[in-house]
Amino acid sequence: MNPENYLFLAALLFSIGSIGVLVRRNALVAFMCVELMLNACNLALVAGSQITGGLNGQVASFFVMVVAAAEVVVGLAIIVSIYKTRRSTSVDDANLLKL
C-alpha cells in the first residue's frame, strides 16, 4: 500500500481527534480524543519513516508511545479524583483543581 495513504489516514484521524477535543464536554471522551491524536502522529511518523527509508520516525514514534503511557497514568488519576469528588467527568468541573 502507498505510504501517502497512511499520511492521509493520519491526517483524518488527527482531525477527528481535534474536533472531538473541541466539541465534547466529557473529560474521558476528550482524553480518548487526545490519545487518538497521539496515535495519528505515530502513524504519520512511521509512514514518513517508510517514505525516507530510515528508522528515525519509528524511534520517535516509540518515544511518543512512552510519553503517551505516562500521560494516561497521570490523566486518568486526575479524572478519577475529579469524579470521586464531583460524581461527574464534565470538563466544566475541572475548576476544582484551582487553588
N, C-alpha and C. Protein backbone atom coordinates (compact mmCIF):
# COMPACT_ATOMS: atom_id res chain seq x y z
N MET A 1 0.84 -1.18 0.00
CA MET A 1 0.00 0.00 0.00
C MET A 1 0.89 1.24 0.00
N ASN A 2 0.41 2.27 -0.60
CA ASN A 2 1.15 3.51 -0.77
C ASN A 2 1.29 4.24 0.58
N PRO A 3 2.50 4.67 0.99
CA PRO A 3 2.67 5.36 2.28
C PRO A 3 1.90 6.68 2.36
N GLU A 4 1.63 7.31 1.21
CA GLU A 4 0.86 8.56 1.25
C GLU A 4 -0.57 8.33 1.75
N ASN A 5 -1.08 7.12 1.52
CA ASN A 5 -2.41 6.79 2.04
C ASN A 5 -2.41 6.77 3.57
N TYR A 6 -1.31 6.30 4.15
CA TYR A 6 -1.19 6.31 5.60
C TYR A 6 -1.12 7.73 6.14
N LEU A 7 -0.45 8.60 5.41
CA LEU A 7 -0.40 10.01 5.83
C LEU A 7 -1.79 10.65 5.76
N PHE A 8 -2.56 10.30 4.73
CA PHE A 8 -3.92 10.80 4.63
C PHE A 8 -4.77 10.28 5.79
N LEU A 9 -4.62 8.99 6.13
CA LEU A 9 -5.35 8.42 7.25
C LEU A 9 -4.95 9.09 8.56
N ALA A 10 -3.65 9.37 8.72
CA ALA A 10 -3.18 10.04 9.94
C ALA A 10 -3.77 11.44 10.05
N ALA A 11 -3.85 12.16 8.93
CA ALA A 11 -4.45 13.50 8.96
C ALA A 11 -5.93 13.41 9.29
N LEU A 12 -6.61 12.41 8.76
CA LEU A 12 -8.04 12.24 9.05
C LEU A 12 -8.26 11.91 10.53
N LEU A 13 -7.45 11.00 11.07
CA LEU A 13 -7.58 10.64 12.49
C LEU A 13 -7.25 11.82 13.40
N PHE A 14 -6.23 12.59 13.03
CA PHE A 14 -5.87 13.75 13.85
C PHE A 14 -6.98 14.79 13.84
N SER A 15 -7.61 15.00 12.68
CA SER A 15 -8.69 15.99 12.61
C SER A 15 -9.92 15.51 13.39
N ILE A 16 -10.21 14.22 13.35
CA ILE A 16 -11.33 13.69 14.15
C ILE A 16 -11.04 13.87 15.63
N GLY A 17 -9.80 13.60 16.04
CA GLY A 17 -9.44 13.77 17.45
C GLY A 17 -9.50 15.21 17.90
N SER A 18 -9.03 16.13 17.05
CA SER A 18 -9.06 17.54 17.45
C SER A 18 -10.48 18.08 17.50
N ILE A 19 -11.32 17.64 16.60
CA ILE A 19 -12.74 18.05 16.66
C ILE A 19 -13.38 17.48 17.92
N GLY A 20 -13.04 16.26 18.27
CA GLY A 20 -13.58 15.65 19.50
C GLY A 20 -13.17 16.38 20.75
N VAL A 21 -11.92 16.84 20.79
CA VAL A 21 -11.46 17.60 21.97
C VAL A 21 -12.19 18.93 22.07
N LEU A 22 -12.41 19.58 20.93
CA LEU A 22 -13.04 20.89 20.96
C LEU A 22 -14.54 20.83 21.22
N VAL A 23 -15.20 19.76 20.81
CA VAL A 23 -16.66 19.70 20.88
C VAL A 23 -17.17 19.04 22.15
N ARG A 24 -16.54 17.96 22.59
CA ARG A 24 -17.09 17.17 23.70
C ARG A 24 -16.78 17.83 25.04
N ARG A 25 -17.69 17.67 25.98
CA ARG A 25 -17.52 18.23 27.32
C ARG A 25 -17.16 17.16 28.34
N ASN A 26 -17.19 15.90 27.95
CA ASN A 26 -16.85 14.82 28.86
C ASN A 26 -15.33 14.64 28.87
N ALA A 27 -14.74 14.58 30.05
CA ALA A 27 -13.29 14.51 30.17
C ALA A 27 -12.75 13.19 29.62
N LEU A 28 -13.47 12.09 29.81
CA LEU A 28 -12.99 10.81 29.31
C LEU A 28 -12.97 10.77 27.78
N VAL A 29 -14.00 11.33 27.17
CA VAL A 29 -14.05 11.36 25.70
C VAL A 29 -12.97 12.28 25.16
N ALA A 30 -12.77 13.41 25.80
CA ALA A 30 -11.70 14.33 25.37
C ALA A 30 -10.33 13.66 25.54
N PHE A 31 -10.17 12.90 26.60
CA PHE A 31 -8.93 12.19 26.85
C PHE A 31 -8.68 11.14 25.77
N MET A 32 -9.73 10.42 25.38
CA MET A 32 -9.59 9.44 24.29
C MET A 32 -9.28 10.11 22.97
N CYS A 33 -9.82 11.31 22.75
CA CYS A 33 -9.53 12.04 21.52
C CYS A 33 -8.08 12.51 21.49
N VAL A 34 -7.54 12.88 22.63
CA VAL A 34 -6.12 13.24 22.69
C VAL A 34 -5.25 12.02 22.37
N GLU A 35 -5.64 10.86 22.88
CA GLU A 35 -4.91 9.63 22.56
C GLU A 35 -5.02 9.30 21.08
N LEU A 36 -6.17 9.56 20.48
CA LEU A 36 -6.34 9.35 19.05
C LEU A 36 -5.41 10.27 18.25
N MET A 37 -5.27 11.50 18.71
CA MET A 37 -4.35 12.43 18.03
C MET A 37 -2.91 11.97 18.17
N LEU A 38 -2.53 11.45 19.33
CA LEU A 38 -1.17 10.93 19.51
C LEU A 38 -0.91 9.73 18.61
N ASN A 39 -1.91 8.86 18.48
CA ASN A 39 -1.74 7.71 17.60
C ASN A 39 -1.68 8.12 16.14
N ALA A 40 -2.40 9.17 15.77
CA ALA A 40 -2.31 9.69 14.41
C ALA A 40 -0.91 10.24 14.14
N CYS A 41 -0.33 10.89 15.13
CA CYS A 41 1.06 11.38 14.97
C CYS A 41 2.03 10.20 14.83
N ASN A 42 1.80 9.15 15.60
CA ASN A 42 2.65 7.96 15.47
C ASN A 42 2.55 7.36 14.07
N LEU A 43 1.34 7.28 13.55
CA LEU A 43 1.14 6.75 12.21
C LEU A 43 1.84 7.61 11.17
N ALA A 44 1.78 8.92 11.33
CA ALA A 44 2.46 9.82 10.39
C ALA A 44 3.97 9.68 10.50
N LEU A 45 4.49 9.51 11.71
CA LEU A 45 5.93 9.33 11.88
C LEU A 45 6.42 8.04 11.23
N VAL A 46 5.67 6.97 11.42
CA VAL A 46 6.07 5.69 10.84
C VAL A 46 5.94 5.73 9.31
N ALA A 47 4.90 6.37 8.80
CA ALA A 47 4.74 6.49 7.35
C ALA A 47 5.86 7.34 6.76
N GLY A 48 6.23 8.41 7.44
CA GLY A 48 7.34 9.23 6.98
C GLY A 48 8.65 8.46 7.02
N SER A 49 8.81 7.62 8.02
CA SER A 49 9.99 6.78 8.11
C SER A 49 10.02 5.78 6.96
N GLN A 50 8.87 5.27 6.59
CA GLN A 50 8.79 4.34 5.46
C GLN A 50 9.13 5.04 4.15
N ILE A 51 8.69 6.29 4.01
CA ILE A 51 8.96 7.04 2.77
C ILE A 51 10.45 7.33 2.63
N THR A 52 11.08 7.77 3.72
CA THR A 52 12.50 8.13 3.65
C THR A 52 13.43 6.92 3.73
N GLY A 53 12.94 5.81 4.24
CA GLY A 53 13.76 4.61 4.33
C GLY A 53 14.62 4.53 5.57
N GLY A 54 14.48 5.46 6.49
CA GLY A 54 15.27 5.43 7.73
C GLY A 54 14.45 4.91 8.89
N LEU A 55 15.05 4.92 10.05
CA LEU A 55 14.38 4.46 11.27
C LEU A 55 14.06 5.60 12.22
N ASN A 56 14.33 6.84 11.82
CA ASN A 56 14.14 7.97 12.73
C ASN A 56 12.69 8.12 13.15
N GLY A 57 11.75 7.97 12.23
CA GLY A 57 10.33 8.10 12.56
C GLY A 57 9.85 7.01 13.49
N GLN A 58 10.39 5.81 13.33
CA GLN A 58 9.99 4.71 14.20
C GLN A 58 10.52 4.90 15.62
N VAL A 59 11.72 5.42 15.74
CA VAL A 59 12.29 5.70 17.07
C VAL A 59 11.51 6.82 17.74
N ALA A 60 11.19 7.86 16.99
CA ALA A 60 10.40 8.96 17.55
C ALA A 60 9.02 8.48 17.95
N SER A 61 8.44 7.58 17.16
CA SER A 61 7.12 7.02 17.49
C SER A 61 7.18 6.23 18.79
N PHE A 62 8.27 5.52 19.01
CA PHE A 62 8.44 4.78 20.26
C PHE A 62 8.46 5.74 21.45
N PHE A 63 9.17 6.85 21.34
CA PHE A 63 9.23 7.82 22.44
C PHE A 63 7.88 8.49 22.65
N VAL A 64 7.12 8.72 21.59
CA VAL A 64 5.77 9.28 21.73
C VAL A 64 4.88 8.30 22.48
N MET A 65 5.03 7.00 22.21
CA MET A 65 4.24 6.00 22.94
C MET A 65 4.60 5.96 24.42
N VAL A 66 5.88 6.16 24.74
CA VAL A 66 6.29 6.19 26.15
C VAL A 66 5.68 7.40 26.86
N VAL A 67 5.71 8.54 26.21
CA VAL A 67 5.12 9.75 26.79
C VAL A 67 3.60 9.59 26.92
N ALA A 68 2.98 8.96 25.94
CA ALA A 68 1.53 8.74 25.99
C ALA A 68 1.15 7.81 27.14
N ALA A 69 1.98 6.81 27.41
CA ALA A 69 1.70 5.92 28.54
C ALA A 69 1.78 6.66 29.86
N ALA A 70 2.76 7.54 30.00
CA ALA A 70 2.86 8.34 31.22
C ALA A 70 1.69 9.31 31.32
N GLU A 71 1.26 9.85 30.20
CA GLU A 71 0.14 10.78 30.19
C GLU A 71 -1.15 10.08 30.59
N VAL A 72 -1.30 8.83 30.17
CA VAL A 72 -2.50 8.06 30.54
C VAL A 72 -2.57 7.88 32.05
N VAL A 73 -1.45 7.57 32.66
CA VAL A 73 -1.43 7.35 34.11
C VAL A 73 -1.81 8.63 34.86
N VAL A 74 -1.21 9.73 34.49
CA VAL A 74 -1.48 10.99 35.19
C VAL A 74 -2.88 11.50 34.86
N GLY A 75 -3.25 11.44 33.59
CA GLY A 75 -4.56 11.94 33.19
C GLY A 75 -5.72 11.18 33.81
N LEU A 76 -5.62 9.85 33.81
CA LEU A 76 -6.69 9.06 34.43
C LEU A 76 -6.75 9.27 35.94
N ALA A 77 -5.61 9.48 36.58
CA ALA A 77 -5.63 9.76 38.02
C ALA A 77 -6.34 11.07 38.30
N ILE A 78 -6.11 12.08 37.47
CA ILE A 78 -6.80 13.37 37.65
C ILE A 78 -8.29 13.21 37.40
N ILE A 79 -8.66 12.50 36.35
CA ILE A 79 -10.08 12.32 36.03
C ILE A 79 -10.79 11.53 37.12
N VAL A 80 -10.14 10.49 37.66
CA VAL A 80 -10.75 9.70 38.74
C VAL A 80 -10.90 10.54 40.00
N SER A 81 -9.92 11.39 40.31
CA SER A 81 -10.04 12.23 41.51
C SER A 81 -11.16 13.26 41.34
N ILE A 82 -11.32 13.81 40.15
CA ILE A 82 -12.44 14.73 39.92
C ILE A 82 -13.76 14.00 40.03
N TYR A 83 -13.82 12.77 39.49
CA TYR A 83 -15.07 12.01 39.56
C TYR A 83 -15.42 11.64 41.00
N LYS A 84 -14.43 11.34 41.82
CA LYS A 84 -14.70 10.97 43.22
C LYS A 84 -15.30 12.14 44.00
N THR A 85 -14.85 13.36 43.71
CA THR A 85 -15.35 14.49 44.47
C THR A 85 -16.63 15.07 43.89
N ARG A 86 -16.76 15.09 42.57
CA ARG A 86 -17.91 15.74 41.95
C ARG A 86 -18.95 14.80 41.37
N ARG A 87 -18.64 13.49 41.27
CA ARG A 87 -19.53 12.50 40.65
C ARG A 87 -19.89 12.87 39.22
N SER A 88 -18.96 13.50 38.53
CA SER A 88 -19.16 13.89 37.14
C SER A 88 -17.79 13.98 36.47
N THR A 89 -17.75 13.65 35.18
CA THR A 89 -16.50 13.78 34.44
C THR A 89 -16.58 14.93 33.45
N SER A 90 -17.40 15.90 33.73
CA SER A 90 -17.53 17.05 32.85
C SER A 90 -16.28 17.92 32.94
N VAL A 91 -15.89 18.47 31.81
CA VAL A 91 -14.73 19.34 31.77
C VAL A 91 -15.00 20.62 32.56
N ASP A 92 -16.25 21.02 32.66
CA ASP A 92 -16.59 22.23 33.40
C ASP A 92 -16.31 22.07 34.90
N ASP A 93 -16.28 20.82 35.39
CA ASP A 93 -15.98 20.59 36.79
C ASP A 93 -14.48 20.59 37.08
N ALA A 94 -13.68 20.85 36.10
CA ALA A 94 -12.23 20.83 36.29
C ALA A 94 -11.73 22.05 37.06
N ASN A 95 -12.58 23.04 37.28
CA ASN A 95 -12.17 24.20 38.06
C ASN A 95 -11.94 23.83 39.52
N LEU A 96 -12.22 22.57 39.87
CA LEU A 96 -11.94 22.04 41.18
C LEU A 96 -10.44 22.09 41.48
N LEU A 97 -9.61 22.04 40.45
CA LEU A 97 -8.16 21.99 40.63
C LEU A 97 -7.56 23.36 40.92
N LYS A 98 -8.36 24.43 40.81
CA LYS A 98 -7.84 25.76 41.09
C LYS A 98 -7.62 25.93 42.58
N LEU A 99 -6.66 26.75 42.92
CA LEU A 99 -6.38 27.00 44.35
C LEU A 99 -7.29 28.03 44.93
